[in-house]
Amino acid sequence: MSNENPPVTAFLLVKTTPEWLALTPQERAAAFATQVVPAIEAKTAGVRSRFYDTEFYSARVTDIWVWEADDHHAYQLLIDALRETPFWDRYFEIVDLLVGTENGYARTYGLDPLATIAT
């Protein structure tokens, strides 16, 4: 990835629905594996994700799904794919979607990143 086209990072803030919570944990895993993952794999490439549980800290947002896409086109294809699955507004209410590029200010002004610490 070149410095001119940094990866796109999206923080998808969601809240579980009663339909999702009515499923057993095994049914949830199966639904995700059979209804969501194949749609993503069929529509896009160059995306990675991490999933964070937040329901024990927030009543408004129960989970945060962090996506990194190689570029804006891969990100757009990802969102289009998700919208065609039960994940979007059936199993989860989409509360907010925050999208950015890591250390964008540093690239804009030719500075070293201030917030990233390497150990």
C-alpha atoms as a PDB file:
ATOM      1  CA  MET A   1       0.000   0.000   0.000  1.00  0.00           C
ATOM      2  CA  SER A   2       1.372   3.369  -0.913  1.00  0.00           C
ATOM      3  CA  ASN A   3       1.461   6.303   1.431  1.00  0.00           C
ATOM      4  CA  GLU A   4      -0.758   8.308  -0.968  1.00  0.00           C
ATOM      5  CA  ASN A   5      -3.591   5.781  -0.668  1.00  0.00           C
ATOM      6  CA  PRO A   6      -3.740   4.691   2.963  1.00  0.00           C
ATOM      7  CA  PRO A   7      -6.144   1.992   4.102  1.00  0.00           C
ATOM      8  CA  VAL A   8      -9.646   3.060   5.041  1.00  0.00           C
ATOM      9  CA  THR A   9     -10.709   2.213   8.592  1.00  0.00           C
ATOM     10  CA  ALA A  10     -14.393   2.010   9.498  1.00  0.00           C
ATOM     11  CA  PHE A  11     -15.823   1.751  12.982  1.00  0.00           C
ATOM     12  CA  LEU A  12     -19.275   0.208  12.605  1.00  0.00           C
ATOM     13  CA  LEU A  13     -21.188   0.858  15.840  1.00  0.00           C
ATOM     14  CA  VAL A  14     -24.109  -1.542  16.174  1.00  0.00           C
ATOM     15  CA  LYS A  15     -26.785  -2.647  18.617  1.00  0.00           C
ATOM     16  CA  THR A  16     -28.117  -6.194  18.742  1.00  0.00           C
ATOM     17  CA  THR A  17     -31.765  -6.756  17.874  1.00  0.00           C
ATOM     18  CA  PRO A  18     -34.216  -9.059  19.688  1.00  0.00           C
ATOM     19  CA  GLU A  19     -34.090 -11.399  16.660  1.00  0.00           C
ATOM     20  CA  TRP A  20     -30.315 -11.859  17.054  1.00  0.00           C
ATOM     21  CA  LEU A  21     -30.546 -12.289  20.818  1.00  0.00           C
ATOM     22  CA  ALA A  22     -33.275 -14.935  20.416  1.00  0.00           C
ATOM     23  CA  LEU A  23     -30.735 -17.155  18.628  1.00  0.00           C
ATOM     24  CA  THR A  24     -28.477 -19.434  20.643  1.00  0.00           C
ATOM     25  CA  PRO A  25     -24.742 -18.662  20.492  1.00  0.00           C
ATOM     26  CA  GLN A  26     -24.308 -21.625  18.136  1.00  0.00           C
ATOM     27  CA  GLU A  27     -27.122 -20.368  15.878  1.00  0.00           C
ATOM     28  CA  ARG A  28     -25.542 -16.899  15.843  1.00  0.00           C
ATOM     29  CA  ALA A  29     -22.173 -18.320  14.792  1.00  0.00           C
ATOM     30  CA  ALA A  30     -23.831 -20.409  12.080  1.00  0.00           C
ATOM     31  CA  ALA A  31     -25.895 -17.457  10.812  1.00  0.00           C
ATOM     32  CA  PHE A  32     -22.808 -15.295  10.604  1.00  0.00           C
ATOM     33  CA  ALA A  33     -20.769 -18.016   8.874  1.00  0.00           C
ATOM     34  CA  THR A  34     -23.474 -18.872   6.332  1.00  0.00           C
ATOM     35  CA  GLN A  35     -25.303 -15.570   5.739  1.00  0.00           C
ATOM     36  CA  VAL A  36     -22.722 -12.817   6.252  1.00  0.00           C
ATOM     37  CA  VAL A  37     -19.222 -14.130   5.541  1.00  0.00           C
ATOM     38  CA  PRO A  38     -20.036 -15.633   2.105  1.00  0.00           C
ATOM     39  CA  ALA A  39     -21.606 -12.347   0.955  1.00  0.00           C
ATOM     40  CA  ILE A  40     -18.512 -10.409   1.988  1.00  0.00           C
ATOM     41  CA  GLU A  41     -16.146 -12.904   0.370  1.00  0.00           C
ATOM     42  CA  ALA A  42     -18.174 -12.920  -2.867  1.00  0.00           C
ATOM     43  CA  LYS A  43     -18.287  -9.125  -3.231  1.00  0.00           C
ATOM     44  CA  THR A  44     -14.956  -7.744  -2.070  1.00  0.00           C
ATOM     45  CA  ALA A  45     -11.294  -8.399  -1.339  1.00  0.00           C
ATOM     46  CA  GLY A  46      -8.695  -6.519   0.658  1.00  0.00           C
ATOM     47  CA  VAL A  47     -10.757  -6.131   3.826  1.00  0.00           C
ATOM     48  CA  ARG A  48      -9.986  -7.244   7.374  1.00  0.00           C
ATOM     49  CA  SER A  49     -12.057  -6.994  10.539  1.00  0.00           C
ATOM     50  CA  ARG A  50     -12.005  -7.124  14.326  1.00  0.00           C
ATOM     51  CA  PHE A  51     -15.054  -7.372  16.556  1.00  0.00           C
ATOM     52  CA  TYR A  52     -15.424  -5.796  20.006  1.00  0.00           C
ATOM     53  CA  ASP A  53     -18.151  -6.483  22.574  1.00  0.00           C
ATOM     54  CA  THR A  54     -19.254  -3.314  24.358  1.00  0.00           C
ATOM     55  CA  GLU A  55     -22.668  -4.243  25.771  1.00  0.00           C
ATOM     56  CA  PHE A  56     -21.331  -4.359  29.320  1.00  0.00           C
ATOM     57  CA  TYR A  57     -20.227  -0.709  29.030  1.00  0.00           C
ATOM     58  CA  SER A  58     -22.842   0.871  26.772  1.00  0.00           C
ATOM     59  CA  ALA A  59     -26.609   0.585  26.440  1.00  0.00           C
ATOM     60  CA  ARG A  60     -26.637   2.385  23.082  1.00  0.00           C
ATOM     61  CA  VAL A  61     -23.920   0.390  21.268  1.00  0.00           C
ATOM     62  CA  THR A  62     -23.538  -3.320  22.026  1.00  0.00           C
ATOM     63  CA  ASP A  63     -20.715  -4.068  19.587  1.00  0.00           C
ATOM     64  CA  ILE A  64     -18.101  -2.322  17.462  1.00  0.00           C
ATOM     65  CA  TRP A  65     -16.972  -3.933  14.250  1.00  0.00           C
ATOM     66  CA  VAL A  66     -13.705  -2.429  13.022  1.00  0.00           C
ATOM     67  CA  TRP A  67     -13.013  -2.854   9.321  1.00  0.00           C
ATOM     68  CA  GLU A  68      -9.863  -1.977   7.448  1.00  0.00           C
ATOM     69  CA  ALA A  69     -10.071  -1.878   3.663  1.00  0.00           C
ATOM     70  CA  ASP A  70      -7.165  -1.498   1.264  1.00  0.00           C
ATOM     71  CA  ASP A  71      -8.913   1.425  -0.431  1.00  0.00           C
ATOM     72  CA  HIS A  72     -12.228   3.273  -0.713  1.00  0.00           C
ATOM     73  CA  HIS A  73     -13.532   0.974  -3.449  1.00  0.00           C
ATOM     74  CA  ALA A  74     -12.969  -2.158  -1.321  1.00  0.00           C
ATOM     75  CA  TYR A  75     -14.732  -0.387   1.570  1.00  0.00           C
ATOM     76  CA  GLN A  76     -17.699   0.566  -0.628  1.00  0.00           C
ATOM     77  CA  LEU A  77     -18.029  -3.023  -1.866  1.00  0.00           C
ATOM     78  CA  LEU A  78     -17.907  -4.242   1.742  1.00  0.00           C
ATOM     79  CA  ILE A  79     -20.750  -1.988   2.851  1.00  0.00           C
ATOM     80  CA  ASP A  80     -22.800  -2.919  -0.212  1.00  0.00           C
ATOM     81  CA  ALA A  81     -22.268  -6.603   0.646  1.00  0.00           C
ATOM     82  CA  LEU A  82     -23.206  -6.130   4.320  1.00  0.00           C
ATOM     83  CA  ARG A  83     -26.389  -4.270   3.384  1.00  0.00           C
ATOM     84  CA  GLU A  84     -27.534  -7.316   1.412  1.00  0.00           C
ATOM     85  CA  THR A  85     -27.307  -9.602   4.458  1.00  0.00           C
ATOM     86  CA  PRO A  86     -29.492 -10.015   7.555  1.00  0.00           C
ATOM     87  CA  PHE A  87     -26.650  -8.452   9.566  1.00  0.00           C
ATOM     88  CA  TRP A  88     -27.722  -5.000   8.379  1.00  0.00           C
ATOM     89  CA  ASP A  89     -30.820  -3.767  10.245  1.00  0.00           C
ATOM     90  CA  ARG A  90     -32.200  -7.239  10.947  1.00  0.00           C
ATOM     91  CA  TYR A  91     -29.702  -8.820  13.350  1.00  0.00           C
ATOM     92  CA  PHE A  92     -28.079  -5.497  14.233  1.00  0.00           C
ATOM     93  CA  GLU A  93     -29.240  -1.898  14.214  1.00  0.00           C
ATOM     94  CA  ILE A  94     -26.559   0.285  12.645  1.00  0.00           C
ATOM     95  CA  VAL A  95     -26.111   3.041  15.247  1.00  0.00           C
ATOM     96  CA  ASP A  96     -23.251   4.914  13.596  1.00  0.00           C
ATOM     97  CA  LEU A  97     -20.522   4.487  11.036  1.00  0.00           C
ATOM     98  CA  LEU A  98     -17.249   6.356  11.552  1.00  0.00           C
ATOM     99  CA  VAL A  99     -14.742   6.193   8.694  1.00  0.00           C
ATOM    100  CA  GLY A 100     -11.230   7.586   8.507  1.00  0.00           C
ATOM    101  CA  THR A 101      -7.615   6.973   7.654  1.00  0.00           C
ATOM    102  CA  GLU A 102      -5.006   6.441  10.335  1.00  0.00           C
ATOM    103  CA  ASN A 103      -2.720   9.435  10.861  1.00  0.00           C
ATOM    104  CA  GLY A 104      -4.288  11.371   7.975  1.00  0.00           C
ATOM    105  CA  TYR A 105      -3.219  14.677   9.510  1.00  0.00           C
ATOM    106  CA  ALA A 106       0.425  13.552   9.500  1.00  0.00           C
ATOM    107  CA  ARG A 107       0.304  12.692   5.786  1.00  0.00           C
ATOM    108  CA  THR A 108      -1.465  15.971   4.993  1.00  0.00           C
ATOM    109  CA  TYR A 109       1.167  18.078   6.743  1.00  0.00           C
ATOM    110  CA  GLY A 110       4.226  15.896   6.142  1.00  0.00           C
ATOM    111  CA  LEU A 111       4.630  15.150   9.855  1.00  0.00           C
ATOM    112  CA  ASP A 112       5.554  12.039  11.777  1.00  0.00           C
ATOM    113  CA  PRO A 113       2.483  10.413  13.348  1.00  0.00           C
ATOM    114  CA  LEU A 114       1.939  11.569  16.925  1.00  0.00           C
ATOM    115  CA  ALA A 115      -0.562   8.952  18.082  1.00  0.00           C
ATOM    116  CA  THR A 116       1.087   5.743  16.896  1.00  0.00           C
ATOM    117  CA  ILE A 117       3.656   4.268  19.242  1.00  0.00           C
ATOM    118  CA  ALA A 118       5.885   1.414  18.109  1.00  0.00           C
ATOM    119  CA  THR A 119       7.511  -0.768  20.739  1.00  0.00           C
END
